[in-house]
């Protein structure tokens, strides 16, 4: 993912979740994805959708230990 695409997705996620602390960081060994953070906490990964041109998927795991 290039820097322009990362910033577009970052802006979309910030607006959608009303959280300006969301940042995307390119993955050094994967060109089709970026890591998603809130502050310094890793929360998931955004992937380029292989089937759709210009579409992306956001994947976030919720661990049992994090649930109340």
Protein backbone atom coordinates (compact mmCIF):
# COMPACT_ATOMS: atom_id res chain seq x y z
CA UNK A 1 0.00 0.00 0.00
CA UNK A 2 1.38 3.38 -0.86
CA UNK A 3 1.43 6.32 1.56
CA UNK A 4 -1.47 8.11 -0.14
CA UNK A 5 -3.73 5.04 0.19
CA UNK A 6 -2.72 4.53 3.81
CA UNK A 7 -3.61 8.16 4.66
CA UNK A 8 -6.99 7.85 2.87
CA UNK A 9 -7.90 4.73 4.86
CA UNK A 10 -6.60 6.26 8.07
CA UNK A 11 -8.84 9.30 7.54
CA UNK A 12 -11.81 7.06 6.85
CA UNK A 13 -11.27 4.98 10.01
CA UNK A 14 -10.73 8.10 12.14
CA UNK A 15 -14.01 9.55 10.91
CA UNK A 16 -15.98 6.32 11.11
CA UNK A 17 -14.89 5.53 14.66
CA UNK A 18 -14.64 9.19 15.78
CA UNK A 19 -11.10 8.63 17.01
CA UNK A 20 -8.23 10.85 15.86
CA UNK A 21 -5.70 8.55 17.59
CA UNK A 22 -6.10 5.83 14.93
CA UNK A 23 -2.97 5.43 12.82
CA UNK A 24 -1.94 3.06 10.05
CA UNK A 25 1.62 1.81 9.73
CA UNK A 26 2.90 0.09 6.58
CA UNK A 27 4.02 -3.52 7.04
CA UNK A 28 7.63 -3.84 5.87
CA UNK A 29 7.32 -7.33 4.36
CA UNK A 30 3.70 -7.10 3.11
CA UNK A 31 2.87 -4.61 0.38
CA UNK A 32 -0.91 -5.23 0.45
CA UNK A 33 -1.63 -4.34 4.08
CA UNK A 34 -1.04 -1.96 6.98
CA UNK A 35 -1.21 -2.34 10.76
CA UNK A 36 -3.86 -0.34 12.64
CA UNK A 37 -3.11 1.24 16.01
CA UNK A 38 -4.97 3.36 18.54
CA UNK A 39 -2.19 5.28 20.19
CA UNK A 40 0.51 2.66 20.72
CA UNK A 41 -1.89 -0.31 20.96
CA UNK A 42 -2.11 -2.60 17.94
CA UNK A 43 -5.75 -3.35 17.13
CA UNK A 44 -5.78 -4.94 13.68
CA UNK A 45 -4.76 -5.02 10.04
CA UNK A 46 -6.20 -3.46 6.88
CA UNK A 47 -5.78 -5.58 3.74
CA UNK A 48 -6.25 -4.69 0.10
CA UNK A 49 -9.13 -6.80 -1.22
CA UNK A 50 -7.78 -9.00 -4.01
CA UNK A 51 -11.19 -9.42 -5.66
CA UNK A 52 -12.27 -5.78 -5.61
CA UNK A 53 -10.25 -3.00 -7.18
CA UNK A 54 -9.88 -0.20 -4.65
CA UNK A 55 -11.60 -2.01 -1.76
CA UNK A 56 -10.11 -2.94 1.61
CA UNK A 57 -10.87 -5.22 4.56
CA UNK A 58 -10.28 -4.36 8.23
CA UNK A 59 -9.55 -7.38 10.45
CA UNK A 60 -9.55 -7.10 14.24
CA UNK A 61 -9.26 -9.98 16.70
CA UNK A 62 -11.02 -9.82 20.08
CA UNK A 63 -9.28 -12.03 22.61
CA UNK A 64 -11.26 -13.79 25.34
CA UNK A 65 -8.87 -12.38 27.94
CA UNK A 66 -9.78 -8.83 26.91
CA UNK A 67 -13.50 -9.35 27.48
CA UNK A 68 -15.04 -8.51 30.88
